[in-house]
N, C-alpha and C. Protein backbone atom coordinates (compact mmCIF):
# COMPACT_ATOMS: atom_id res chain seq x y z
N MET A 1 -0.01 21.11 24.59
CA MET A 1 -0.27 20.35 23.38
C MET A 1 0.89 20.57 22.43
N ASN A 2 1.50 19.47 21.93
CA ASN A 2 2.62 19.63 21.02
C ASN A 2 2.12 19.73 19.59
N SER A 3 3.04 20.06 18.67
CA SER A 3 2.65 20.28 17.28
C SER A 3 2.16 19.01 16.61
N ALA A 4 2.62 17.85 17.05
CA ALA A 4 2.16 16.59 16.45
C ALA A 4 0.68 16.36 16.74
N GLU A 5 0.19 16.90 17.86
CA GLU A 5 -1.21 16.72 18.21
C GLU A 5 -2.11 17.67 17.43
N THR A 6 -1.57 18.80 16.99
CA THR A 6 -2.39 19.79 16.30
C THR A 6 -2.30 19.66 14.78
N THR A 7 -1.27 19.01 14.29
CA THR A 7 -1.09 18.86 12.85
C THR A 7 -1.85 17.64 12.36
N PRO A 8 -2.68 17.82 11.34
CA PRO A 8 -3.39 16.63 10.81
C PRO A 8 -2.40 15.63 10.24
N ARG A 9 -2.72 14.35 10.39
CA ARG A 9 -1.85 13.31 9.86
C ARG A 9 -2.02 13.24 8.35
N PRO A 10 -0.92 12.99 7.62
CA PRO A 10 -1.04 12.84 6.17
C PRO A 10 -1.79 11.55 5.83
N LEU A 11 -2.29 11.48 4.59
CA LEU A 11 -3.08 10.34 4.15
C LEU A 11 -2.34 9.03 4.34
N VAL A 12 -1.04 9.00 4.04
CA VAL A 12 -0.27 7.77 4.18
C VAL A 12 -0.31 7.30 5.63
N GLU A 13 -0.20 8.23 6.55
CA GLU A 13 -0.24 7.87 7.96
C GLU A 13 -1.62 7.35 8.35
N GLU A 14 -2.66 7.99 7.83
CA GLU A 14 -4.02 7.51 8.10
C GLU A 14 -4.18 6.08 7.60
N GLN A 15 -3.68 5.81 6.39
CA GLN A 15 -3.76 4.47 5.84
C GLN A 15 -2.96 3.49 6.70
N ALA A 16 -1.83 3.92 7.20
CA ALA A 16 -1.00 3.05 8.03
C ALA A 16 -1.75 2.66 9.30
N PHE A 17 -2.46 3.61 9.91
CA PHE A 17 -3.22 3.28 11.11
C PHE A 17 -4.36 2.32 10.80
N GLU A 18 -5.02 2.50 9.64
CA GLU A 18 -6.07 1.57 9.25
C GLU A 18 -5.48 0.18 9.02
N ILE A 19 -4.33 0.13 8.38
CA ILE A 19 -3.67 -1.14 8.11
C ILE A 19 -3.26 -1.80 9.41
N SER A 20 -2.82 -0.98 10.38
CA SER A 20 -2.38 -1.57 11.65
C SER A 20 -3.51 -2.33 12.32
N GLU A 21 -4.73 -1.86 12.10
CA GLU A 21 -5.87 -2.58 12.67
C GLU A 21 -6.14 -3.85 11.88
N SER A 22 -6.01 -3.79 10.56
CA SER A 22 -6.35 -4.96 9.76
C SER A 22 -5.31 -6.07 9.84
N ILE A 23 -4.04 -5.72 10.02
CA ILE A 23 -3.00 -6.75 10.03
C ILE A 23 -3.15 -7.67 11.24
N VAL A 24 -3.69 -7.14 12.30
CA VAL A 24 -3.83 -7.95 13.50
C VAL A 24 -5.28 -8.30 13.78
N GLU A 25 -6.15 -8.10 12.77
CA GLU A 25 -7.56 -8.42 12.95
C GLU A 25 -7.69 -9.87 13.40
N GLY A 26 -8.30 -10.04 14.52
CA GLY A 26 -8.44 -11.38 15.07
C GLY A 26 -7.12 -11.92 15.58
N GLY A 27 -6.10 -11.10 15.58
CA GLY A 27 -4.77 -11.55 15.97
C GLY A 27 -4.37 -11.04 17.33
N SER A 28 -3.13 -10.81 17.48
CA SER A 28 -2.53 -10.54 18.76
C SER A 28 -2.46 -9.05 19.10
N TYR A 29 -2.80 -8.74 20.33
CA TYR A 29 -2.65 -7.38 20.83
C TYR A 29 -1.17 -6.99 20.80
N ILE A 30 -0.31 -7.95 21.03
CA ILE A 30 1.14 -7.68 21.03
C ILE A 30 1.58 -7.22 19.64
N LEU A 31 1.10 -7.88 18.60
CA LEU A 31 1.44 -7.45 17.23
C LEU A 31 0.97 -6.03 16.97
N GLN A 32 -0.24 -5.72 17.39
CA GLN A 32 -0.75 -4.38 17.19
C GLN A 32 0.10 -3.36 17.95
N THR A 33 0.50 -3.71 19.14
CA THR A 33 1.34 -2.81 19.93
C THR A 33 2.68 -2.58 19.24
N ILE A 34 3.28 -3.65 18.73
CA ILE A 34 4.57 -3.51 18.03
C ILE A 34 4.39 -2.66 16.77
N TRP A 35 3.32 -2.93 16.02
CA TRP A 35 3.05 -2.15 14.80
C TRP A 35 2.94 -0.66 15.15
N ASN A 36 2.19 -0.36 16.21
CA ASN A 36 2.01 1.03 16.61
C ASN A 36 3.31 1.66 17.10
N GLU A 37 4.17 0.88 17.74
CA GLU A 37 5.47 1.40 18.16
C GLU A 37 6.32 1.78 16.93
N SER A 38 6.23 0.97 15.89
CA SER A 38 6.94 1.28 14.65
C SER A 38 6.39 2.57 14.04
N LEU A 39 5.07 2.71 14.04
CA LEU A 39 4.47 3.95 13.53
C LEU A 39 4.92 5.16 14.34
N ASP A 40 4.93 5.02 15.65
CA ASP A 40 5.35 6.12 16.52
C ASP A 40 6.79 6.52 16.23
N ALA A 41 7.66 5.52 16.06
CA ALA A 41 9.06 5.82 15.76
C ALA A 41 9.17 6.55 14.43
N GLU A 42 8.39 6.12 13.45
CA GLU A 42 8.40 6.80 12.15
C GLU A 42 7.95 8.25 12.29
N LEU A 43 6.87 8.45 13.03
CA LEU A 43 6.35 9.81 13.23
C LEU A 43 7.34 10.69 13.97
N ASP A 44 8.14 10.08 14.84
CA ASP A 44 9.17 10.83 15.56
C ASP A 44 10.41 11.06 14.70
N GLY A 45 10.40 10.52 13.48
CA GLY A 45 11.53 10.72 12.56
C GLY A 45 12.66 9.73 12.74
N ASP A 46 12.45 8.71 13.57
CA ASP A 46 13.49 7.71 13.82
C ASP A 46 13.22 6.48 12.95
N LEU A 47 13.61 6.59 11.67
CA LEU A 47 13.32 5.50 10.73
C LEU A 47 14.12 4.25 11.03
N THR A 48 15.32 4.41 11.59
CA THR A 48 16.12 3.24 11.97
C THR A 48 15.38 2.42 13.00
N LEU A 49 14.85 3.08 14.02
CA LEU A 49 14.10 2.38 15.06
C LEU A 49 12.80 1.81 14.48
N ALA A 50 12.13 2.57 13.63
CA ALA A 50 10.88 2.09 13.02
C ALA A 50 11.14 0.80 12.24
N LEU A 51 12.24 0.76 11.49
CA LEU A 51 12.60 -0.43 10.72
C LEU A 51 12.95 -1.60 11.64
N GLU A 52 13.68 -1.30 12.69
CA GLU A 52 14.06 -2.35 13.64
C GLU A 52 12.82 -2.97 14.28
N ILE A 53 11.90 -2.12 14.70
CA ILE A 53 10.68 -2.61 15.33
C ILE A 53 9.84 -3.38 14.31
N HIS A 54 9.74 -2.84 13.10
CA HIS A 54 8.93 -3.50 12.07
C HIS A 54 9.52 -4.87 11.70
N GLY A 55 10.81 -5.01 11.83
CA GLY A 55 11.45 -6.29 11.58
C GLY A 55 10.88 -7.39 12.47
N GLN A 56 10.50 -7.03 13.69
CA GLN A 56 9.87 -8.00 14.59
C GLN A 56 8.56 -8.50 14.02
N ILE A 57 7.81 -7.60 13.41
CA ILE A 57 6.53 -7.99 12.81
C ILE A 57 6.77 -8.94 11.65
N LEU A 58 7.74 -8.61 10.81
CA LEU A 58 8.04 -9.48 9.66
C LEU A 58 8.43 -10.87 10.13
N THR A 59 9.16 -10.94 11.22
CA THR A 59 9.57 -12.23 11.77
C THR A 59 8.37 -13.04 12.25
N VAL A 60 7.43 -12.37 12.89
CA VAL A 60 6.28 -13.05 13.46
C VAL A 60 5.24 -13.43 12.41
N VAL A 61 4.89 -12.48 11.54
CA VAL A 61 3.78 -12.74 10.62
C VAL A 61 4.21 -13.46 9.35
N GLY A 62 5.49 -13.45 9.06
CA GLY A 62 5.95 -14.13 7.84
C GLY A 62 5.46 -13.42 6.60
N ARG A 63 4.83 -14.18 5.70
CA ARG A 63 4.38 -13.64 4.42
C ARG A 63 3.12 -12.80 4.62
N SER A 64 3.29 -11.50 4.56
CA SER A 64 2.17 -10.57 4.73
C SER A 64 2.37 -9.40 3.77
N CYS A 65 1.44 -9.25 2.85
CA CYS A 65 1.54 -8.15 1.88
C CYS A 65 1.59 -6.81 2.59
N THR A 66 0.76 -6.66 3.60
CA THR A 66 0.71 -5.40 4.34
C THR A 66 2.04 -5.12 5.04
N ALA A 67 2.60 -6.13 5.66
CA ALA A 67 3.89 -5.94 6.34
C ALA A 67 5.00 -5.65 5.33
N TYR A 68 4.96 -6.32 4.17
CA TYR A 68 5.95 -6.04 3.13
C TYR A 68 5.82 -4.61 2.61
N LEU A 69 4.59 -4.15 2.41
CA LEU A 69 4.38 -2.78 1.95
C LEU A 69 4.96 -1.77 2.94
N ARG A 70 4.69 -2.02 4.21
CA ARG A 70 5.19 -1.08 5.23
C ARG A 70 6.72 -1.10 5.28
N ALA A 71 7.31 -2.28 5.16
CA ALA A 71 8.77 -2.36 5.15
C ALA A 71 9.33 -1.62 3.95
N GLY A 72 8.67 -1.78 2.80
CA GLY A 72 9.10 -1.03 1.61
C GLY A 72 9.02 0.46 1.83
N TRP A 73 7.92 0.91 2.42
CA TRP A 73 7.72 2.32 2.69
C TRP A 73 8.80 2.87 3.63
N LEU A 74 9.07 2.13 4.70
CA LEU A 74 10.07 2.60 5.66
C LEU A 74 11.46 2.68 5.02
N HIS A 75 11.81 1.67 4.23
CA HIS A 75 13.11 1.72 3.56
C HIS A 75 13.16 2.86 2.55
N TYR A 76 12.06 3.08 1.85
CA TYR A 76 11.99 4.20 0.90
C TYR A 76 12.21 5.53 1.64
N GLN A 77 11.51 5.70 2.75
CA GLN A 77 11.64 6.93 3.55
C GLN A 77 13.08 7.15 4.01
N ALA A 78 13.76 6.03 4.32
CA ALA A 78 15.14 6.10 4.82
C ALA A 78 16.15 6.24 3.67
N GLY A 79 15.67 6.22 2.43
CA GLY A 79 16.58 6.35 1.29
C GLY A 79 17.17 5.03 0.83
N GLY A 80 16.70 3.93 1.39
CA GLY A 80 17.18 2.60 0.99
C GLY A 80 16.32 2.06 -0.14
N PHE A 81 16.46 2.66 -1.32
CA PHE A 81 15.57 2.35 -2.43
C PHE A 81 15.68 0.90 -2.90
N LYS A 82 16.90 0.37 -2.96
CA LYS A 82 17.05 -1.02 -3.41
C LYS A 82 16.42 -2.00 -2.43
N GLN A 83 16.58 -1.75 -1.15
CA GLN A 83 15.95 -2.61 -0.14
C GLN A 83 14.43 -2.45 -0.21
N ALA A 84 13.97 -1.22 -0.41
CA ALA A 84 12.52 -0.99 -0.54
C ALA A 84 11.97 -1.77 -1.72
N LEU A 85 12.70 -1.78 -2.83
CA LEU A 85 12.26 -2.52 -4.01
C LEU A 85 12.09 -4.01 -3.73
N LYS A 86 12.98 -4.56 -2.90
CA LYS A 86 12.85 -5.98 -2.54
C LYS A 86 11.53 -6.23 -1.82
N PHE A 87 11.18 -5.36 -0.89
CA PHE A 87 9.93 -5.55 -0.15
C PHE A 87 8.71 -5.27 -1.01
N TYR A 88 8.79 -4.26 -1.87
CA TYR A 88 7.67 -4.01 -2.78
C TYR A 88 7.49 -5.19 -3.73
N GLY A 89 8.59 -5.82 -4.13
CA GLY A 89 8.51 -7.01 -4.97
C GLY A 89 7.81 -8.15 -4.27
N LYS A 90 8.13 -8.35 -2.98
CA LYS A 90 7.48 -9.41 -2.21
C LYS A 90 5.98 -9.11 -2.06
N ALA A 91 5.65 -7.84 -1.84
CA ALA A 91 4.24 -7.46 -1.72
C ALA A 91 3.50 -7.71 -3.04
N ALA A 92 4.16 -7.44 -4.15
CA ALA A 92 3.55 -7.66 -5.46
C ALA A 92 3.32 -9.15 -5.71
N GLU A 93 4.23 -9.98 -5.23
CA GLU A 93 4.06 -11.43 -5.37
C GLU A 93 2.83 -11.91 -4.59
N CYS A 94 2.62 -11.32 -3.41
CA CYS A 94 1.48 -11.70 -2.56
C CYS A 94 0.16 -11.24 -3.18
N SER A 95 0.20 -10.11 -3.82
CA SER A 95 -1.04 -9.51 -4.32
C SER A 95 -0.80 -8.95 -5.72
N PRO A 96 -0.77 -9.83 -6.73
CA PRO A 96 -0.41 -9.41 -8.08
C PRO A 96 -1.38 -8.43 -8.73
N ASP A 97 -2.61 -8.34 -8.23
CA ASP A 97 -3.58 -7.40 -8.80
C ASP A 97 -3.59 -6.04 -8.11
N SER A 98 -2.77 -5.89 -7.10
CA SER A 98 -2.72 -4.63 -6.35
C SER A 98 -1.75 -3.65 -7.00
N THR A 99 -2.16 -2.41 -7.03
CA THR A 99 -1.27 -1.37 -7.56
C THR A 99 -0.36 -0.78 -6.48
N ALA A 100 -0.67 -1.00 -5.21
CA ALA A 100 0.11 -0.39 -4.13
C ALA A 100 1.60 -0.72 -4.19
N PRO A 101 1.99 -2.00 -4.34
CA PRO A 101 3.42 -2.27 -4.41
C PRO A 101 4.07 -1.68 -5.66
N LEU A 102 3.30 -1.60 -6.74
CA LEU A 102 3.83 -1.02 -7.97
C LEU A 102 4.06 0.48 -7.82
N LEU A 103 3.14 1.14 -7.12
CA LEU A 103 3.31 2.57 -6.86
C LEU A 103 4.56 2.82 -6.01
N GLY A 104 4.75 1.97 -5.00
CA GLY A 104 5.94 2.11 -4.16
C GLY A 104 7.21 1.91 -4.96
N ALA A 105 7.22 0.86 -5.79
CA ALA A 105 8.40 0.58 -6.61
C ALA A 105 8.64 1.71 -7.61
N MET A 106 7.56 2.23 -8.18
CA MET A 106 7.70 3.34 -9.13
C MET A 106 8.36 4.54 -8.45
N GLY A 107 7.97 4.82 -7.21
CA GLY A 107 8.59 5.92 -6.47
C GLY A 107 10.07 5.69 -6.24
N CYS A 108 10.44 4.45 -5.98
CA CYS A 108 11.86 4.12 -5.79
C CYS A 108 12.64 4.37 -7.08
N TYR A 109 12.11 3.86 -8.19
CA TYR A 109 12.80 4.03 -9.46
C TYR A 109 12.89 5.51 -9.84
N ALA A 110 11.83 6.25 -9.58
CA ALA A 110 11.87 7.69 -9.86
C ALA A 110 12.92 8.38 -9.00
N SER A 111 13.03 7.98 -7.74
CA SER A 111 14.03 8.57 -6.84
C SER A 111 15.45 8.21 -7.27
N MET A 112 15.59 7.05 -7.94
CA MET A 112 16.91 6.63 -8.42
C MET A 112 17.15 7.13 -9.85
N ALA A 113 16.25 7.99 -10.35
CA ALA A 113 16.33 8.58 -11.69
C ALA A 113 16.34 7.52 -12.79
N ASP A 114 15.58 6.44 -12.57
CA ASP A 114 15.44 5.40 -13.59
C ASP A 114 14.10 5.61 -14.28
N SER A 115 14.10 6.47 -15.29
CA SER A 115 12.85 6.82 -15.95
C SER A 115 12.27 5.66 -16.76
N VAL A 116 13.11 4.76 -17.22
CA VAL A 116 12.61 3.62 -18.00
C VAL A 116 11.73 2.73 -17.12
N GLU A 117 12.25 2.34 -15.94
CA GLU A 117 11.48 1.47 -15.04
C GLU A 117 10.27 2.19 -14.46
N SER A 118 10.44 3.45 -14.07
CA SER A 118 9.30 4.16 -13.49
C SER A 118 8.19 4.34 -14.53
N THR A 119 8.54 4.56 -15.79
CA THR A 119 7.54 4.68 -16.85
C THR A 119 6.87 3.33 -17.11
N ARG A 120 7.65 2.26 -17.12
CA ARG A 120 7.09 0.92 -17.32
C ARG A 120 6.06 0.60 -16.24
N LEU A 121 6.41 0.93 -14.99
CA LEU A 121 5.48 0.66 -13.89
C LEU A 121 4.26 1.55 -13.95
N ALA A 122 4.44 2.81 -14.34
CA ALA A 122 3.30 3.72 -14.48
C ALA A 122 2.30 3.16 -15.49
N LYS A 123 2.80 2.62 -16.60
CA LYS A 123 1.91 2.03 -17.61
C LYS A 123 1.22 0.78 -17.07
N LYS A 124 1.95 -0.03 -16.32
CA LYS A 124 1.36 -1.24 -15.74
C LYS A 124 0.26 -0.87 -14.73
N ILE A 125 0.52 0.15 -13.93
CA ILE A 125 -0.47 0.62 -12.95
C ILE A 125 -1.72 1.11 -13.67
N ALA A 126 -1.53 1.88 -14.73
CA ALA A 126 -2.67 2.39 -15.49
C ALA A 126 -3.48 1.24 -16.09
N ARG A 127 -2.79 0.23 -16.59
CA ARG A 127 -3.46 -0.93 -17.18
C ARG A 127 -4.26 -1.69 -16.11
N LEU A 128 -3.66 -1.91 -14.94
CA LEU A 128 -4.37 -2.60 -13.85
C LEU A 128 -5.58 -1.79 -13.38
N ASP A 129 -5.40 -0.47 -13.27
CA ASP A 129 -6.52 0.38 -12.85
C ASP A 129 -7.66 0.31 -13.86
N GLU A 130 -7.31 0.35 -15.14
CA GLU A 130 -8.33 0.29 -16.19
C GLU A 130 -9.07 -1.05 -16.14
N GLU A 131 -8.33 -2.14 -15.94
CA GLU A 131 -8.96 -3.46 -15.85
C GLU A 131 -9.93 -3.51 -14.66
N LYS A 132 -9.53 -2.93 -13.53
CA LYS A 132 -10.39 -2.93 -12.34
C LYS A 132 -11.64 -2.11 -12.59
N ARG A 133 -11.46 -0.92 -13.21
CA ARG A 133 -12.63 -0.07 -13.50
C ARG A 133 -13.57 -0.78 -14.47
N SER A 134 -13.01 -1.40 -15.48
CA SER A 134 -13.81 -2.09 -16.48
C SER A 134 -14.59 -3.25 -15.86
N SER A 135 -13.93 -4.04 -15.02
CA SER A 135 -14.62 -5.18 -14.42
C SER A 135 -15.69 -4.70 -13.44
N LYS A 136 -15.46 -3.60 -12.74
CA LYS A 136 -16.47 -3.06 -11.83
C LYS A 136 -17.67 -2.53 -12.62
N ALA A 137 -17.40 -1.87 -13.75
CA ALA A 137 -18.48 -1.36 -14.58
C ALA A 137 -19.30 -2.51 -15.15
N ASP A 138 -18.61 -3.57 -15.59
CA ASP A 138 -19.32 -4.74 -16.11
C ASP A 138 -20.20 -5.37 -15.04
N ALA A 139 -19.65 -5.49 -13.84
CA ALA A 139 -20.42 -6.09 -12.74
C ALA A 139 -21.63 -5.23 -12.40
N ALA A 140 -21.45 -3.91 -12.40
CA ALA A 140 -22.56 -3.02 -12.10
C ALA A 140 -23.63 -3.12 -13.18
N PHE A 141 -23.22 -3.16 -14.44
CA PHE A 141 -24.16 -3.26 -15.54
C PHE A 141 -24.93 -4.57 -15.48
N GLN A 142 -24.23 -5.65 -15.14
CA GLN A 142 -24.87 -6.96 -15.08
C GLN A 142 -25.86 -7.06 -13.91
N SER A 143 -25.68 -6.22 -12.90
CA SER A 143 -26.58 -6.27 -11.75
C SER A 143 -27.88 -5.49 -12.00
N LEU A 144 -27.94 -4.73 -13.10
CA LEU A 144 -29.14 -3.95 -13.41
C LEU A 144 -30.26 -4.88 -13.88
N PRO A 145 -31.50 -4.50 -13.62
CA PRO A 145 -32.61 -5.29 -14.15
C PRO A 145 -32.65 -5.20 -15.68
N PRO A 146 -33.14 -6.22 -16.35
CA PRO A 146 -33.15 -6.22 -17.81
C PRO A 146 -33.81 -5.00 -18.44
N SER A 147 -34.87 -4.47 -17.81
CA SER A 147 -35.54 -3.29 -18.37
C SER A 147 -34.62 -2.07 -18.38
N SER A 148 -33.78 -1.94 -17.37
CA SER A 148 -32.82 -0.83 -17.33
C SER A 148 -31.76 -1.00 -18.39
N CYS A 149 -31.30 -2.24 -18.60
CA CYS A 149 -30.28 -2.51 -19.62
C CYS A 149 -30.81 -2.15 -21.00
N ALA A 150 -32.08 -2.49 -21.27
CA ALA A 150 -32.68 -2.20 -22.56
C ALA A 150 -32.78 -0.68 -22.76
N ALA A 151 -33.15 0.04 -21.71
CA ALA A 151 -33.28 1.50 -21.81
C ALA A 151 -31.92 2.14 -22.06
N ILE A 152 -30.89 1.63 -21.41
CA ILE A 152 -29.54 2.17 -21.61
C ILE A 152 -29.09 1.90 -23.03
N ALA A 153 -29.33 0.68 -23.52
CA ALA A 153 -28.92 0.31 -24.88
C ALA A 153 -29.63 1.18 -25.91
N GLN A 154 -30.89 1.51 -25.69
CA GLN A 154 -31.65 2.33 -26.64
C GLN A 154 -31.19 3.78 -26.62
N SER A 155 -30.74 4.25 -25.48
CA SER A 155 -30.33 5.66 -25.38
C SER A 155 -28.95 5.88 -25.97
N GLY A 156 -28.14 4.82 -26.11
CA GLY A 156 -26.76 4.92 -26.57
C GLY A 156 -26.68 5.01 -28.03
């Protein structure tokens, strides 16, 4: 048994495996195989190969927020912060309410010692998170029966 089999995978890797299933949901086994080959290359430390393989996915799937996020992550890992920013930007265009591409971009700016941009993105992420929490709380409150709403209002 090698060390890769005994070492738990980091959260990012766990998320990548979950994403690999969702990107090809109802899709091609070949795409899933290519995605997994890119993950394997990354885990082996061969980011050049991981990027090369992932490029095949980008060619096939076209506009995919998940594929853009992964490309951003791979470029970030390889130290290609400006290229990573391009992919995180494309992911943000696909999913403007998602904080994931903003977090990736913030990491790039922080790595490039651009505190102005990383701070701007941190504030934007916090604002988006607050909006999501607020809308979820509103939805939960609205789903309560009227008698519960009245009891909550009286206790406040």
